[in-house]
Amino acid sequence: MRRVRGVIYDCDGVLFESRQANLSYYNAVLEVMGAAPVSAADTELARICHTAASPEVFGALLGENRVAAALEAAAGLEYRRFIPAMTPEPGLVEVLEILFRDLPLAVATNRGTSMAEILEHFSLGIYFRAVVTSRDVPRPKPAPDMLRLAAQRLQLAPQELLFVGDSELDRQAAAAAGIRFVGYRTAGGEERVESHRGLLDLLVAEGVCEFC
């Protein structure tokens, strides 16, 4: 295994607890479309709202024939109003502050334009050398496009990177891109951490961080 020289993060479920924010956002679009809201108790649809890119979400909620109209309705909503419902994961800022001294960091997320607003709202943009969203690539996760582009922007080989994700989409994308995957809490895979501090401990144990 080649030494880790950079870390890529998923956004939702890794950087932030954002399930309620995402569900509120998609339900706002569904209201505009005259469709019934998704309940948090509907675990499969709520999971899709949390992990998939918007075209896939609207396809699952409304059918493929209404995706274009739903995307148009979504474009009329200010996602900024849902950002306060997001909560940074415990220890996130402290660990980012440590890691970015030694390692180039990136975000690879199935979110679209909202990612820039989120990083600005939480003052986290300084830590990430690259931010790749579903708007930057032909195919969202689980395709490897996003991770490959992040690797290019970090100027690192896939074998030199570690991707932290919380979903099966993330695991599949990492495998397809040839990037080492570490599952955050709920994600499967050979390696898993329960917290950002746990990720830091893993990297320290491997001798990755000089200042950790």
Protein backbone atom coordinates (compact mmCIF):
# COMPACT_ATOMS: atom_id res chain seq x y z
CA MET A 1 0.00 0.00 0.00
CA ARG A 2 1.45 3.35 -1.05
CA ARG A 3 1.73 6.07 1.59
CA VAL A 4 -1.26 8.42 1.77
CA ARG A 5 -0.39 11.83 0.36
CA GLY A 6 -3.87 13.35 0.16
CA VAL A 7 -7.41 12.90 1.53
CA ILE A 8 -10.73 13.30 -0.28
CA TYR A 9 -13.95 13.70 1.71
CA ASP A 10 -17.56 13.12 0.84
CA CYS A 11 -19.78 15.92 2.14
CA ASP A 12 -23.11 14.66 3.48
CA GLY A 13 -22.77 12.30 6.40
CA VAL A 14 -18.98 12.85 6.60
CA LEU A 15 -18.35 16.58 6.87
CA PHE A 16 -21.88 17.33 8.03
CA GLU A 17 -24.98 15.77 9.51
CA SER A 18 -27.34 16.99 6.81
CA ARG A 19 -30.21 14.53 6.58
CA GLN A 20 -32.85 16.98 7.82
CA ALA A 21 -31.56 19.77 5.60
CA ASN A 22 -31.61 17.54 2.51
CA LEU A 23 -35.06 16.17 3.28
CA SER A 24 -36.44 19.68 3.82
CA TYR A 25 -34.91 20.84 0.54
CA TYR A 26 -36.32 18.00 -1.54
CA ASN A 27 -39.70 18.26 0.15
CA ALA A 28 -39.77 21.96 -0.75
CA VAL A 29 -39.25 20.99 -4.39
CA LEU A 30 -41.90 18.28 -4.13
CA GLU A 31 -44.35 20.88 -2.77
CA VAL A 32 -43.72 23.08 -5.81
CA MET A 33 -44.30 20.02 -8.00
CA GLY A 34 -47.56 19.17 -6.23
CA ALA A 35 -46.20 15.87 -4.94
CA ALA A 36 -46.39 14.30 -1.50
CA PRO A 37 -43.42 14.88 0.84
CA VAL A 38 -40.93 12.21 1.81
CA SER A 39 -41.02 11.16 5.45
CA ALA A 40 -37.86 10.39 7.40
CA ALA A 41 -39.58 7.12 8.26
CA ASP A 42 -39.34 6.10 4.59
CA THR A 43 -35.75 5.06 5.05
CA GLU A 44 -34.98 4.13 1.45
CA LEU A 45 -36.26 7.36 -0.12
CA ALA A 46 -34.69 9.39 2.69
CA ARG A 47 -31.39 7.62 1.99
CA ILE A 48 -31.60 8.52 -1.70
CA CYS A 49 -32.26 12.16 -0.78
CA HIS A 50 -29.15 12.06 1.39
CA THR A 51 -26.69 10.38 -0.99
CA ALA A 52 -27.68 10.70 -4.65
CA ALA A 53 -27.33 13.58 -7.11
CA SER A 54 -30.48 15.63 -7.73
CA PRO A 55 -31.38 14.08 -11.14
CA GLU A 56 -31.31 10.62 -9.57
CA VAL A 57 -33.28 11.83 -6.54
CA PHE A 58 -36.01 13.37 -8.67
CA GLY A 59 -36.11 10.31 -10.89
CA ALA A 60 -36.74 8.14 -7.84
CA LEU A 61 -39.31 10.51 -6.31
CA LEU A 62 -41.21 11.69 -9.38
CA GLY A 63 -40.30 9.47 -12.33
CA GLU A 64 -37.88 10.16 -15.15
CA ASN A 65 -40.43 12.13 -17.17
CA ARG A 66 -40.60 14.83 -14.46
CA VAL A 67 -36.88 15.20 -13.72
CA ALA A 68 -36.35 18.23 -15.98
CA ALA A 69 -39.32 20.07 -14.46
CA ALA A 70 -38.15 19.25 -10.93
CA LEU A 71 -34.64 20.51 -11.67
CA GLU A 72 -36.16 23.74 -12.97
CA ALA A 73 -38.24 24.07 -9.80
CA ALA A 74 -35.16 23.37 -7.68
CA ALA A 75 -33.23 26.09 -9.47
CA GLY A 76 -35.79 28.58 -8.17
CA LEU A 77 -35.11 27.67 -4.54
CA GLU A 78 -32.34 29.20 -2.44
CA TYR A 79 -30.53 26.28 -0.84
CA ARG A 80 -28.91 28.78 1.51
CA ARG A 81 -32.06 28.78 3.64
CA PHE A 82 -31.55 25.07 4.43
CA ILE A 83 -27.87 25.33 5.40
CA PRO A 84 -28.53 26.30 9.08
CA ALA A 85 -30.11 22.85 9.52
CA MET A 86 -26.71 21.27 8.75
CA THR A 87 -24.32 20.46 11.59
CA PRO A 88 -20.55 19.93 11.20
CA GLU A 89 -19.49 16.50 12.41
CA PRO A 90 -17.84 16.47 15.87
CA GLY A 91 -14.14 17.24 15.72
CA LEU A 92 -14.26 18.14 12.03
CA VAL A 93 -12.71 21.61 12.19
CA GLU A 94 -10.03 20.60 14.67
CA VAL A 95 -8.91 17.65 12.53
CA LEU A 96 -9.02 19.63 9.28
CA GLU A 97 -6.86 22.28 10.92
CA ILE A 98 -4.26 19.62 11.69
CA LEU A 99 -4.39 17.66 8.43
CA PHE A 100 -4.25 20.52 5.97
CA ARG A 101 -0.81 21.53 7.29
CA ASP A 102 0.60 18.28 5.88
CA LEU A 103 -1.84 16.98 3.28
CA PRO A 104 -3.78 18.42 0.35
CA LEU A 105 -7.48 17.90 1.02
CA ALA A 106 -10.44 17.72 -1.36
CA VAL A 107 -14.20 17.29 -1.36
CA ALA A 108 -15.99 15.03 -3.85
CA THR A 109 -19.76 15.25 -3.48
CA ASN A 110 -22.91 14.48 -5.42
CA ARG A 111 -24.09 17.94 -4.42
CA GLY A 112 -24.15 20.61 -7.10
CA THR A 113 -23.93 24.38 -6.68
CA SER A 114 -24.82 24.31 -2.98
CA MET A 115 -21.35 23.08 -1.98
CA ALA A 116 -19.72 26.48 -2.42
CA GLU A 117 -22.40 28.14 -0.27
CA ILE A 118 -21.98 25.51 2.44
CA LEU A 119 -18.21 25.89 2.65
CA GLU A 120 -18.61 29.66 2.76
CA HIS A 121 -21.28 29.52 5.48
CA PHE A 122 -19.12 27.34 7.75
CA SER A 123 -15.82 29.05 6.79
CA LEU A 124 -14.29 25.73 5.66
CA GLY A 125 -13.16 26.61 2.14
CA ILE A 126 -9.61 27.40 3.28
CA TYR A 127 -8.96 23.74 4.08
CA PHE A 128 -9.75 22.25 0.66
CA ARG A 129 -7.44 22.54 -2.31
CA ALA A 130 -10.04 20.97 -4.63
CA VAL A 131 -13.84 20.79 -4.54
CA VAL A 132 -15.52 18.52 -7.09
CA THR A 133 -19.30 18.34 -7.43
CA SER A 134 -21.77 16.58 -9.70
CA ARG A 135 -21.72 19.67 -11.92
CA ASP A 136 -18.05 19.08 -12.76
CA VAL A 137 -18.27 15.56 -14.20
CA PRO A 138 -20.38 13.59 -16.69
CA ARG A 139 -21.46 11.03 -14.08
CA PRO A 140 -22.01 11.35 -10.31
CA LYS A 141 -20.97 8.71 -7.79
CA PRO A 142 -20.95 5.69 -7.87
CA ALA A 143 -19.08 6.41 -11.12
CA PRO A 144 -15.39 7.16 -10.50
CA ASP A 145 -15.36 10.42 -12.52
CA MET A 146 -15.52 12.71 -9.50
CA LEU A 147 -12.68 11.03 -7.64
CA ARG A 148 -10.50 10.90 -10.72
CA LEU A 149 -10.99 14.62 -11.26
CA ALA A 150 -10.19 15.32 -7.61
CA ALA A 151 -6.97 13.31 -7.97
CA GLN A 152 -6.03 15.34 -11.06
CA ARG A 153 -6.68 18.62 -9.27
CA LEU A 154 -4.58 17.49 -6.30
CA GLN A 155 -1.90 16.29 -8.76
CA LEU A 156 -1.72 12.91 -7.06
CA ALA A 157 -2.05 9.34 -8.27
CA PRO A 158 -5.16 7.43 -7.13
CA GLN A 159 -2.92 5.06 -5.14
CA GLU A 160 -1.68 8.03 -3.10
CA LEU A 161 -5.16 9.08 -1.98
CA LEU A 162 -7.64 8.08 0.67
CA PHE A 163 -11.37 8.71 0.24
CA VAL A 164 -13.62 9.04 3.30
CA GLY A 165 -17.28 8.29 2.57
CA ASP A 166 -20.39 7.08 4.34
CA SER A 167 -22.37 5.26 1.67
CA GLU A 168 -22.23 2.34 -0.73
CA LEU A 169 -22.09 4.86 -3.58
CA ASP A 170 -18.88 6.21 -2.08
CA ARG A 171 -17.36 2.75 -1.67
CA GLN A 172 -18.16 1.80 -5.25
CA ALA A 173 -16.76 5.07 -6.61
CA ALA A 174 -13.51 4.57 -4.71
CA ALA A 175 -13.14 1.00 -5.92
CA ALA A 176 -13.73 2.04 -9.53
CA ALA A 177 -11.20 4.89 -9.22
CA GLY A 178 -8.55 2.70 -7.58
CA ILE A 179 -8.55 4.85 -4.44
CA ARG A 180 -8.30 3.50 -0.91
CA PHE A 181 -11.65 3.79 0.88
CA VAL A 182 -12.29 4.40 4.57
CA GLY A 183 -15.91 4.15 5.65
CA TYR A 184 -17.19 6.81 8.01
CA ARG A 185 -19.47 5.27 10.63
CA THR A 186 -22.18 3.53 8.61
CA ALA A 187 -20.34 2.70 5.39
CA GLY A 188 -19.12 -0.78 4.60
CA GLY A 189 -15.64 -1.68 3.45
CA GLU A 190 -12.50 -3.18 4.90
CA GLU A 191 -11.58 -0.04 6.86
CA ARG A 192 -13.86 2.11 8.97
CA VAL A 193 -13.58 5.00 11.43
CA GLU A 194 -16.21 6.23 13.86
CA SER A 195 -15.12 9.85 14.01
CA HIS A 196 -12.82 12.46 12.54
CA ARG A 197 -10.51 11.92 15.48
CA GLY A 198 -10.47 8.24 14.54
CA LEU A 199 -9.39 9.18 11.01
CA LEU A 200 -6.61 11.33 12.43
CA ASP A 201 -5.48 8.46 14.66
CA LEU A 202 -5.38 6.15 11.64
CA LEU A 203 -3.19 8.57 9.68
CA VAL A 204 -0.92 9.17 12.67
CA ALA A 205 -0.46 5.42 13.10
CA GLU A 206 0.64 5.20 9.47
CA GLY A 207 3.13 8.02 9.91
CA VAL A 208 1.31 10.25 7.44
CA CYS A 209 1.10 13.46 9.48
CA GLU A 210 4.25 15.28 10.51
CA PHE A 211 2.48 17.74 12.82
CA CYS A 212 -0.36 15.55 14.12
